[in-house]
Amino acid sequence: MALKITVIGTGYLGATHAAAMAELGFEVLGLDVVPEKIEMLQRGEVPMYEPGLEELLRKHVAGIEGSTGRLRFTMDWAEVGEFGDVHFVCVNTPQKHGEYACDMSYVDAAFETLAPHLKGPALVVGKSTVPVGSAERLARTLAELSPAGEDAELAWNPEFLREGFAVQDTLHPDRLVAGVRSERAEKILREVYATPVSEGSPFVVTDFPTAELVKTSANSFLATKISFINAMAEVCEAAGGDVALLAEAIGHDERIGKKFLRAGIGFGGGCLPKDIRAFMARAGELGADQALTFLREIDSINMRRRGQMVEMAREALGGGSFLGKRVAVLGATFKPDSDDVRDSPALNVAGQIHLQGGQVTVYDPKGMANAKRLFPTLGYADSAVGAVRGADVVLHLTEWREFRELDPAVLGEAASARVLLDGRNALDPEVWRRAGWTYRAMGRPTA
C-alpha cells in the first residue's frame, strides 16, 4: 500500500516539500497553525516567491481544476495523526532573540502536539535545522507521548534547499541524508525518495548526530568560502590587486573550485548567518567551542562588508556627509530569484546610508513588498530607471539578471552622476565605462 505523507509547517521548506512529495506520486496532507497560510495554499498560492513552486502546487492541490488532488491542507492535528504513515516536520528554527543559540520552541511544540495523535506505527522525520543532540531528545519525546510508544519512530533528514532552486533541489537533490536507528526507518525513507535515488541522487545513511551536523557543517563551509574571498578583497583593496582575477586564478585549482568565490557585500538570508551562530553556540554547550572559534571571524568578516560598502559610497560622493545626497540601490533581497529580505546585506547598506542622512531609493524585481514592511522609511521606485533618477551614486547590491541586462546609456540619462558601485562584482566594467560611467567594485581598486 502506498505511503501517505504529512508535512507539518508550510513555510518555505514545508510548502516546497509538500508540493514535491505530491509530484513524486504520494497522497500528502500539509498542516499549519496559521489560518491565512492554509487558505492561501488551498487556493494554490504560495506566501513567498520561489520559481516554479506555485505551478507545482496548482498541479496537485485538491479543488483546483485539472489538479491531481493529491495535496490537501488542514489545521487539525488529529486528522494528520490519522492520515499519515510518514510525518515530515518542517517548522522554523530562528535565532533566539539577543543570543546566538537556535530557538527550538516551534520544533518542540510540533513534536509535543503531534505525538499524542500517533496511535499506530509511524515514522516522524525531522527536516528542520537543529542543534546536534536534538534528535536524541525528540525521539524520547515521541516514545513517551505517543500511544504507539516505540512504534512512533524518528528519523533525521536534513534539507539542503537553495532559495531560487528549491523545487529542483527537492525533486533532484544532490544528496539525501538519512539519520536513522532502524532498518525499518531506512526502508521507509528509501521508499519516499525512490524516484530521486533511481535517478542517481546519493543516499547517505548515518546516525542522528551526524545527520544533524551535515546541514550546519555544509553551511559553515559555504560561509567560510564566501568570507575567505571577501577577506582577500580587503587585502586587494590595500595592495592594489584585483580580487576577481585572483578568484579566477585560484578557482582553476580543483581542490578549491570556482563556486562562491565572487567577492562582494557578503551573505545574508534566513539560514547561513543564524546557522553558523547556532553552531558556535551548540559547540560551546558541548565543550567543543574552540573547534569553531574561526566561525566568529567568518561572521565578523561578513558583517564588516556592509560597513565597507557604505564607506565606499561615501568616498564616491566626495568623502563627506550623505546629507542631501541621492543614492540609488538596485536590489533588496539577500539573493536573486527570491523575495526573501531576511538579514539582507543590500537592505542593511540602504538602511545605514538612510540613517546617515542619504536620500535612498530602492528597486528590486521581487522583494519590494517585503522590503517596505521591514524598512518603511526608505524610498522605493517601481523600476531600475525610477530608482536611479536624479541619483548621485548607484549601488548594485543584489545580482538579479534584470540588472545585468540594464542599458547603461539609458540609466545614465536618468542619473544625476554616472557613478556605479558594484557590490556583487557581477556587472561588466567595460560595458559601463564605455557608456561614461565611473565603475568601482569591492576588492578591485585597479579594475
Protein backbone atom coordinates (compact mmCIF):
# COMPACT_ATOMS: atom_id res chain seq x y z
CA MET A 1 0.00 0.00 0.00
CA ALA A 2 1.34 3.44 -0.93
CA LEU A 3 2.71 5.55 1.91
CA LYS A 4 0.70 8.59 2.98
CA ILE A 5 2.72 11.66 3.87
CA THR A 6 2.06 14.66 6.09
CA VAL A 7 4.10 17.87 6.21
CA ILE A 8 3.99 19.89 9.42
CA GLY A 9 4.78 23.56 8.85
CA THR A 10 4.04 25.03 5.42
CA GLY A 11 6.54 27.87 5.24
CA TYR A 12 9.27 28.00 2.64
CA LEU A 13 10.59 24.49 3.35
CA GLY A 14 7.25 22.83 4.12
CA ALA A 15 5.27 24.20 1.16
CA THR A 16 8.04 23.13 -1.21
CA HIS A 17 8.38 19.68 0.37
CA ALA A 18 4.61 19.08 0.33
CA ALA A 19 4.28 20.01 -3.36
CA ALA A 20 7.33 17.90 -4.27
CA MET A 21 6.02 14.84 -2.39
CA ALA A 22 2.75 15.14 -4.34
CA GLU A 23 4.79 15.43 -7.56
CA LEU A 24 6.56 12.17 -6.61
CA GLY A 25 3.12 10.49 -6.51
CA PHE A 26 2.21 10.47 -2.81
CA GLU A 27 -1.04 11.48 -1.13
CA VAL A 28 0.01 14.47 1.02
CA LEU A 29 -1.63 16.39 3.87
CA GLY A 30 0.01 19.66 4.94
CA LEU A 31 -0.61 21.21 8.36
CA ASP A 32 -0.06 24.73 9.64
CA VAL A 33 -1.33 26.68 12.65
CA VAL A 34 -1.75 29.93 10.68
CA PRO A 35 -5.22 30.02 9.04
CA GLU A 36 -4.23 32.64 6.41
CA LYS A 37 -1.38 30.44 5.21
CA ILE A 38 -3.63 27.41 4.87
CA GLU A 39 -6.27 29.42 2.98
CA MET A 40 -3.63 30.70 0.55
CA LEU A 41 -2.22 27.24 -0.11
CA GLN A 42 -5.71 25.80 -0.64
CA ARG A 43 -6.16 28.39 -3.41
CA GLY A 44 -2.88 27.22 -4.95
CA GLU A 45 -1.00 30.38 -3.95
CA VAL A 46 2.34 30.49 -2.15
CA PRO A 47 3.19 33.00 0.60
CA MET A 48 6.65 33.62 -0.90
CA TYR A 49 8.25 33.95 -4.33
CA GLU A 50 10.04 30.79 -5.42
CA PRO A 51 10.43 29.96 -9.13
CA GLY A 52 8.21 27.04 -10.20
CA LEU A 53 6.64 26.44 -6.79
CA GLU A 54 3.21 27.94 -7.42
CA GLU A 55 2.86 26.00 -10.68
CA LEU A 56 3.81 22.76 -8.89
CA LEU A 57 1.34 23.49 -6.11
CA ARG A 58 -1.53 24.22 -8.52
CA LYS A 59 -0.80 20.95 -10.30
CA HIS A 60 -1.63 18.95 -7.15
CA VAL A 61 -3.83 20.92 -4.71
CA ALA A 62 -7.26 19.34 -4.29
CA GLY A 63 -10.15 21.50 -5.52
CA ILE A 64 -8.18 23.26 -8.26
CA GLU A 65 -9.47 22.45 -11.74
CA GLY A 66 -7.25 19.98 -13.56
CA SER A 67 -5.12 19.13 -10.50
CA THR A 68 -4.25 15.60 -9.37
CA GLY A 69 -5.90 16.33 -5.99
CA ARG A 70 -3.05 14.57 -4.19
CA LEU A 71 -2.30 17.53 -1.91
CA ARG A 72 -4.60 18.85 0.82
CA PHE A 73 -4.13 21.18 3.80
CA THR A 74 -5.52 21.19 7.33
CA MET A 75 -5.18 22.73 10.80
CA ASP A 76 -6.36 19.53 12.53
CA TRP A 77 -3.60 17.57 14.30
CA ALA A 78 -5.89 14.57 14.85
CA GLU A 79 -6.50 14.36 11.09
CA VAL A 80 -2.75 14.44 10.49
CA GLY A 81 -2.14 11.66 13.03
CA GLU A 82 -4.88 9.54 11.50
CA PHE A 83 -3.82 10.15 7.88
CA GLY A 84 -0.04 9.82 7.78
CA ASP A 85 2.44 6.96 7.70
CA VAL A 86 5.35 9.42 7.43
CA HIS A 87 5.26 12.86 9.10
CA PHE A 88 7.82 15.45 7.94
CA VAL A 89 8.45 18.23 10.49
CA CYS A 90 9.44 21.37 8.55
CA VAL A 91 8.95 24.17 11.08
CA ASN A 92 11.21 27.18 11.56
CA THR A 93 14.24 27.30 13.90
CA PRO A 94 15.10 31.02 14.11
CA GLN A 95 17.94 32.58 16.10
CA LYS A 96 16.98 33.29 19.72
CA HIS A 97 16.44 36.97 20.42
CA GLY A 98 19.58 38.54 21.87
CA GLU A 99 21.76 35.41 21.65
CA TYR A 100 23.42 33.10 19.13
CA ALA A 101 21.53 29.91 20.04
CA CYS A 102 18.75 28.37 17.98
CA ASP A 103 15.12 28.77 19.12
CA MET A 104 13.72 25.23 19.33
CA SER A 105 10.26 26.23 20.59
CA TYR A 106 8.48 25.62 17.25
CA VAL A 107 10.07 22.18 16.77
CA ASP A 108 9.35 21.17 20.37
CA ALA A 109 5.74 22.33 20.08
CA ALA A 110 5.27 20.39 16.82
CA PHE A 111 6.56 17.14 18.35
CA GLU A 112 4.61 17.57 21.59
CA THR A 113 1.37 18.31 19.72
CA LEU A 114 1.76 15.56 17.09
CA ALA A 115 2.87 12.71 19.39
CA PRO A 116 -0.45 12.13 21.25
CA HIS A 117 -2.17 11.61 17.87
CA LEU A 118 0.17 8.80 16.76
CA LYS A 119 -1.87 5.73 17.64
CA GLY A 120 -0.22 3.24 15.26
CA PRO A 121 3.21 2.70 13.68
CA ALA A 122 4.55 5.95 12.19
CA LEU A 123 7.82 7.49 11.11
CA VAL A 124 8.36 11.12 12.12
CA VAL A 125 11.07 12.76 10.01
CA GLY A 126 12.80 15.92 11.18
CA LYS A 127 13.84 18.27 8.35
CA SER A 128 14.36 21.47 10.34
CA THR A 129 17.93 22.62 11.02
CA VAL A 130 18.51 21.89 14.72
CA PRO A 131 21.41 21.85 17.21
CA VAL A 132 23.19 18.48 17.28
CA GLY A 133 21.71 16.32 20.06
CA SER A 134 18.13 17.46 19.45
CA ALA A 135 17.06 14.27 17.63
CA GLU A 136 18.04 12.10 20.60
CA ARG A 137 15.82 14.19 22.87
CA LEU A 138 12.93 14.37 20.39
CA ALA A 139 12.98 10.58 19.89
CA ARG A 140 12.38 10.24 23.66
CA THR A 141 9.55 12.80 23.49
CA LEU A 142 7.87 10.76 20.73
CA ALA A 143 8.18 7.45 22.59
CA GLU A 144 6.88 8.96 25.85
CA LEU A 145 3.93 10.94 24.45
CA SER A 146 2.72 8.67 21.61
CA PRO A 147 0.06 6.00 22.25
CA ALA A 148 2.11 3.97 19.71
CA GLY A 149 5.15 4.15 22.02
CA GLU A 150 8.30 2.75 20.39
CA ASP A 151 6.37 2.28 17.11
CA ALA A 152 6.40 6.06 16.69
CA GLU A 153 9.93 6.23 15.39
CA LEU A 154 12.16 9.20 14.49
CA ALA A 155 14.48 9.80 11.54
CA TRP A 156 16.50 12.91 10.68
CA ASN A 157 16.60 14.01 7.06
CA PRO A 158 18.14 17.50 6.76
CA GLU A 159 17.11 19.85 3.95
CA PHE A 160 19.58 21.47 1.57
CA LEU A 161 17.30 23.85 -0.31
CA ARG A 162 18.79 26.85 -2.09
CA GLU A 163 16.34 29.71 -2.43
CA GLY A 164 15.63 30.19 -6.11
CA PHE A 165 16.27 26.47 -6.79
CA ALA A 166 14.10 24.86 -4.08
CA VAL A 167 11.82 22.84 -6.37
CA GLN A 168 14.78 21.43 -8.30
CA ASP A 169 16.69 20.72 -5.06
CA THR A 170 13.75 18.76 -3.63
CA LEU A 171 12.94 16.73 -6.73
CA HIS A 172 16.56 16.23 -7.86
CA PRO A 173 18.71 16.54 -4.71
CA ASP A 174 22.49 16.41 -4.98
CA ARG A 175 22.42 14.13 -1.92
CA LEU A 176 19.92 12.67 0.57
CA VAL A 177 20.95 12.15 4.18
CA ALA A 178 19.01 9.76 6.43
CA GLY A 179 19.82 9.72 10.14
CA VAL A 180 18.11 6.51 11.32
CA ARG A 181 18.16 3.95 14.12
CA SER A 182 16.48 1.01 12.42
CA GLU A 183 16.29 -0.81 9.11
CA ARG A 184 12.56 -0.05 9.04
CA ALA A 185 13.16 3.73 9.14
CA GLU A 186 15.80 3.47 6.41
CA LYS A 187 13.49 1.32 4.26
CA ILE A 188 10.63 3.85 4.56
CA LEU A 189 12.85 6.80 3.63
CA ARG A 190 14.25 4.87 0.66
CA GLU A 191 10.64 4.30 -0.45
CA VAL A 192 9.81 8.02 -0.08
CA TYR A 193 12.85 9.03 -2.13
CA ALA A 194 12.82 6.08 -4.57
CA THR A 195 12.48 8.36 -7.64
CA PRO A 196 15.46 10.68 -6.98
CA VAL A 197 17.58 7.72 -5.81
CA SER A 198 16.77 5.84 -9.05
CA GLU A 199 17.87 8.97 -10.95
CA GLY A 200 21.25 8.90 -9.20
CA SER A 201 20.90 11.04 -6.05
CA PRO A 202 23.30 9.58 -3.45
CA PHE A 203 21.57 8.24 -0.31
CA VAL A 204 23.82 8.57 2.76
CA VAL A 205 22.73 6.65 5.87
CA THR A 206 24.05 8.00 9.20
CA ASP A 207 23.33 8.13 12.93
CA PHE A 208 21.32 11.03 14.42
CA PRO A 209 24.21 13.36 15.41
CA THR A 210 25.91 13.08 12.01
CA ALA A 211 22.67 13.83 10.14
CA GLU A 212 22.11 16.89 12.32
CA LEU A 213 25.69 18.08 11.71
CA VAL A 214 25.58 17.73 7.91
CA LYS A 215 23.47 20.86 7.29
CA THR A 216 25.28 23.12 9.77
CA SER A 217 28.72 21.97 8.65
CA ALA A 218 27.80 22.43 4.95
CA ASN A 219 26.56 25.96 5.65
CA SER A 220 29.66 26.71 7.73
CA PHE A 221 31.92 25.58 4.88
CA LEU A 222 30.00 27.74 2.41
CA ALA A 223 30.13 30.77 4.73
CA THR A 224 33.89 30.21 5.17
CA LYS A 225 34.45 30.17 1.41
CA ILE A 226 32.45 33.38 0.90
CA SER A 227 34.17 35.18 3.78
CA PHE A 228 37.57 33.93 2.59
CA ILE A 229 37.27 35.64 -0.80
CA ASN A 230 35.86 38.74 0.92
CA ALA A 231 38.91 38.82 3.21
CA MET A 232 41.08 38.57 0.08
CA ALA A 233 39.11 41.52 -1.34
CA GLU A 234 40.12 43.57 1.71
CA VAL A 235 43.78 42.68 1.05
CA CYS A 236 43.38 43.51 -2.66
CA GLU A 237 41.95 46.93 -1.73
CA ALA A 238 45.03 47.60 0.43
CA ALA A 239 47.56 46.19 -2.05
CA GLY A 240 46.06 47.40 -5.33
CA GLY A 241 45.14 43.90 -6.56
CA ASP A 242 42.03 42.66 -8.38
CA VAL A 243 40.01 40.13 -6.42
CA ALA A 244 38.01 38.99 -9.48
CA LEU A 245 41.21 37.92 -11.28
CA LEU A 246 42.55 36.44 -8.05
CA ALA A 247 39.34 34.36 -7.66
CA GLU A 248 39.56 33.20 -11.27
CA ALA A 249 43.17 32.11 -10.81
CA ILE A 250 42.64 30.16 -7.57
CA GLY A 251 39.29 28.79 -8.84
CA HIS A 252 41.10 26.78 -11.53
CA ASP A 253 42.62 24.70 -8.70
CA GLU A 254 40.14 21.83 -8.50
CA ARG A 255 40.85 21.44 -4.78
CA ILE A 256 39.33 24.91 -4.35
CA GLY A 257 36.84 25.24 -7.21
CA LYS A 258 35.24 28.32 -8.77
CA LYS A 259 31.90 28.40 -6.95
CA PHE A 260 31.16 31.01 -4.27
CA LEU A 261 34.38 32.92 -4.92
CA ARG A 262 32.73 36.16 -6.02
CA ALA A 263 33.68 38.90 -3.57
CA GLY A 264 31.02 41.40 -2.57
CA ILE A 265 28.92 42.65 0.32
CA GLY A 266 28.64 39.18 1.85
CA PHE A 267 25.95 36.65 2.68
CA GLY A 268 22.62 37.11 4.44
CA GLY A 269 19.23 35.40 4.41
CA GLY A 270 17.38 33.28 6.92
CA CYS A 271 19.86 30.37 7.00
CA LEU A 272 23.60 30.99 6.74
CA PRO A 273 24.03 33.70 9.42
CA LYS A 274 21.76 32.10 12.04
CA ASP A 275 23.02 28.57 11.32
CA ILE A 276 26.70 29.38 11.86
CA ARG A 277 25.84 31.28 15.07
CA ALA A 278 23.71 28.42 16.39
CA PHE A 279 26.54 26.00 15.52
CA MET A 280 29.00 28.08 17.58
CA ALA A 281 26.56 28.22 20.49
CA ARG A 282 25.98 24.45 20.43
CA ALA A 283 29.71 23.69 20.20
CA GLY A 284 30.13 25.80 23.35
CA GLU A 285 27.47 23.76 25.17
CA LEU A 286 29.26 20.56 24.13
CA GLY A 287 32.62 21.85 25.38
CA ALA A 288 33.97 21.98 21.80
CA ASP A 289 33.79 25.76 21.36
CA GLN A 290 37.48 26.04 20.36
CA ALA A 291 36.77 23.92 17.28
CA LEU A 292 34.51 26.64 15.89
CA THR A 293 36.13 29.89 17.03
CA PHE A 294 37.07 30.51 13.36
CA LEU A 295 33.34 30.90 12.59
CA ARG A 296 33.25 34.02 14.76
CA GLU A 297 35.80 35.60 12.40
CA ILE A 298 33.84 34.35 9.37
CA ASP A 299 30.75 36.12 10.75
CA SER A 300 32.79 39.23 11.53
CA ILE A 301 34.32 39.46 8.02
CA ASN A 302 30.84 39.05 6.57
CA MET A 303 29.23 41.78 8.66
CA ARG A 304 32.19 44.12 8.02
CA ARG A 305 31.50 44.06 4.27
CA ARG A 306 28.28 46.02 4.73
CA GLY A 307 30.03 48.89 6.51
CA GLN A 308 32.75 48.88 3.85
CA MET A 309 30.13 49.31 1.12
CA VAL A 310 28.70 52.31 2.99
CA GLU A 311 32.20 53.83 3.20
CA MET A 312 32.80 53.18 -0.49
CA ALA A 313 29.58 55.08 -1.26
CA ARG A 314 30.70 57.95 0.98
CA GLU A 315 34.07 58.13 -0.85
CA ALA A 316 32.27 58.12 -4.24
CA LEU A 317 30.31 61.16 -3.06
CA GLY A 318 33.45 63.10 -2.12
CA GLY A 319 34.12 61.62 1.30
CA GLY A 320 31.88 63.87 3.35
CA SER A 321 28.31 63.56 4.58
CA PHE A 322 25.41 61.74 2.92
CA LEU A 323 23.11 64.66 3.78
CA GLY A 324 21.22 65.87 0.72
CA LYS A 325 22.78 63.17 -1.49
CA ARG A 326 20.58 60.90 -3.60
CA VAL A 327 21.57 57.22 -3.52
CA ALA A 328 20.00 54.56 -5.79
CA VAL A 329 20.08 50.96 -4.52
CA LEU A 330 19.48 48.16 -7.03
CA GLY A 331 18.43 45.10 -5.04
CA ALA A 332 16.67 44.48 -1.74
CA THR A 333 16.60 40.69 -1.38
CA PHE A 334 19.55 38.80 0.10
CA LYS A 335 19.96 36.92 -3.20
CA PRO A 336 18.36 36.89 -6.67
CA ASP A 337 15.32 34.74 -7.63
CA SER A 338 13.76 35.16 -4.18
CA ASP A 339 11.61 37.72 -2.36
CA ASP A 340 13.40 37.00 0.94
CA VAL A 341 14.80 40.11 2.65
CA ARG A 342 15.75 38.45 5.96
CA ASP A 343 19.16 39.75 7.06
CA SER A 344 19.64 41.19 3.57
CA PRO A 345 23.05 42.88 3.10
CA ALA A 346 21.51 45.10 0.40
CA LEU A 347 18.80 46.46 2.70
CA ASN A 348 21.24 46.76 5.58
CA VAL A 349 23.51 49.00 3.45
CA ALA A 350 20.50 51.02 2.22
CA GLY A 351 19.31 51.44 5.82
CA GLN A 352 22.73 52.56 7.10
CA ILE A 353 23.05 55.23 4.38
CA HIS A 354 19.49 56.40 5.08
CA LEU A 355 20.23 56.70 8.81
CA GLN A 356 23.26 58.86 7.94
CA GLY A 357 21.08 61.32 6.03
CA GLY A 358 21.17 59.99 2.48
CA GLN A 359 18.02 60.03 0.32
CA VAL A 360 17.87 56.36 -0.62
CA THR A 361 15.62 54.91 -3.34
CA VAL A 362 15.44 51.11 -3.70
CA TYR A 363 14.24 48.90 -6.54
CA ASP A 364 14.05 45.10 -6.55
CA PRO A 365 12.25 42.84 -9.06
CA LYS A 366 10.51 40.68 -6.40
CA GLY A 367 11.34 41.90 -2.89
CA MET A 368 9.62 45.31 -2.76
CA ALA A 369 6.62 44.40 -0.59
CA ASN A 370 8.78 42.61 2.00
CA ALA A 371 11.37 45.40 1.96
CA LYS A 372 8.70 48.08 2.56
CA ARG A 373 7.40 46.13 5.56
CA LEU A 374 10.89 45.88 7.05
CA PHE A 375 12.19 49.37 6.08
CA PRO A 376 9.10 51.57 5.57
CA THR A 377 11.14 54.82 5.73
CA LEU A 378 13.28 54.11 2.65
CA GLY A 379 12.22 55.42 -0.76
CA TYR A 380 11.05 52.87 -3.33
CA ALA A 381 10.72 53.01 -7.12
CA ASP A 382 8.89 50.62 -9.44
CA SER A 383 11.79 50.25 -11.89
CA ALA A 384 15.58 50.46 -12.01
CA VAL A 385 15.37 53.68 -14.06
CA GLY A 386 12.93 55.10 -11.48
CA ALA A 387 15.34 54.33 -8.65
CA VAL A 388 18.30 55.88 -10.48
CA ARG A 389 16.51 59.10 -11.50
CA GLY A 390 18.46 62.03 -10.05
CA ALA A 391 20.92 59.76 -8.19
CA ASP A 392 24.41 60.97 -7.30
CA VAL A 393 25.61 57.35 -6.96
CA VAL A 394 24.14 53.94 -7.93
CA LEU A 395 24.76 50.84 -5.76
CA HIS A 396 24.27 47.40 -7.32
CA LEU A 397 23.66 45.14 -4.29
CA THR A 398 21.69 42.04 -5.44
CA GLU A 399 22.78 40.27 -8.62
CA TRP A 400 19.45 39.92 -10.42
CA ARG A 401 19.67 39.05 -14.12
CA GLU A 402 17.50 42.13 -14.82
CA PHE A 403 20.33 44.33 -13.53
CA ARG A 404 22.96 42.59 -15.68
CA GLU A 405 20.77 43.29 -18.72
CA LEU A 406 20.26 47.01 -18.00
CA ASP A 407 21.30 49.51 -20.67
CA PRO A 408 23.95 51.75 -19.03
CA ALA A 409 23.26 54.55 -21.53
CA VAL A 410 19.53 54.64 -20.66
CA LEU A 411 20.35 54.56 -16.94
CA GLY A 412 22.94 57.29 -17.46
CA GLU A 413 20.27 59.61 -18.90
CA ALA A 414 18.27 59.27 -15.66
CA ALA A 415 21.16 59.60 -13.16
CA SER A 416 22.50 62.90 -11.88
CA ALA A 417 26.05 61.47 -11.91
CA ARG A 418 27.26 58.34 -13.67
CA VAL A 419 28.90 56.63 -10.71
CA LEU A 420 28.28 52.90 -10.20
CA LEU A 421 29.44 50.83 -7.23
CA ASP A 422 29.11 47.11 -7.90
CA GLY A 423 28.66 45.42 -4.53
CA ARG A 424 28.40 41.99 -6.17
CA ASN A 425 31.17 42.08 -8.79
CA ALA A 426 28.54 40.88 -11.26
CA LEU A 427 28.43 43.66 -13.89
CA ASP A 428 30.83 44.11 -16.81
CA PRO A 429 33.09 47.12 -16.05
CA GLU A 430 33.91 47.71 -19.75
CA VAL A 431 30.26 47.97 -20.81
CA TRP A 432 29.54 50.57 -18.10
CA ARG A 433 32.72 52.57 -18.68
CA ARG A 434 32.03 52.78 -22.41
CA ALA A 435 28.71 54.44 -21.51
CA GLY A 436 30.57 57.07 -19.49
CA TRP A 437 30.17 55.58 -16.01
CA THR A 438 32.78 55.56 -13.29
CA TYR A 439 32.70 51.88 -12.28
CA ARG A 440 34.05 50.70 -8.92
CA ALA A 441 33.77 47.22 -7.36
CA MET A 442 34.81 45.82 -3.99
CA GLY A 443 38.33 44.42 -3.93
CA ARG A 444 39.12 45.81 -7.40
CA PRO A 445 40.71 49.25 -6.93
CA THR A 446 42.56 48.99 -10.27
CA ALA A 447 39.92 47.14 -12.34
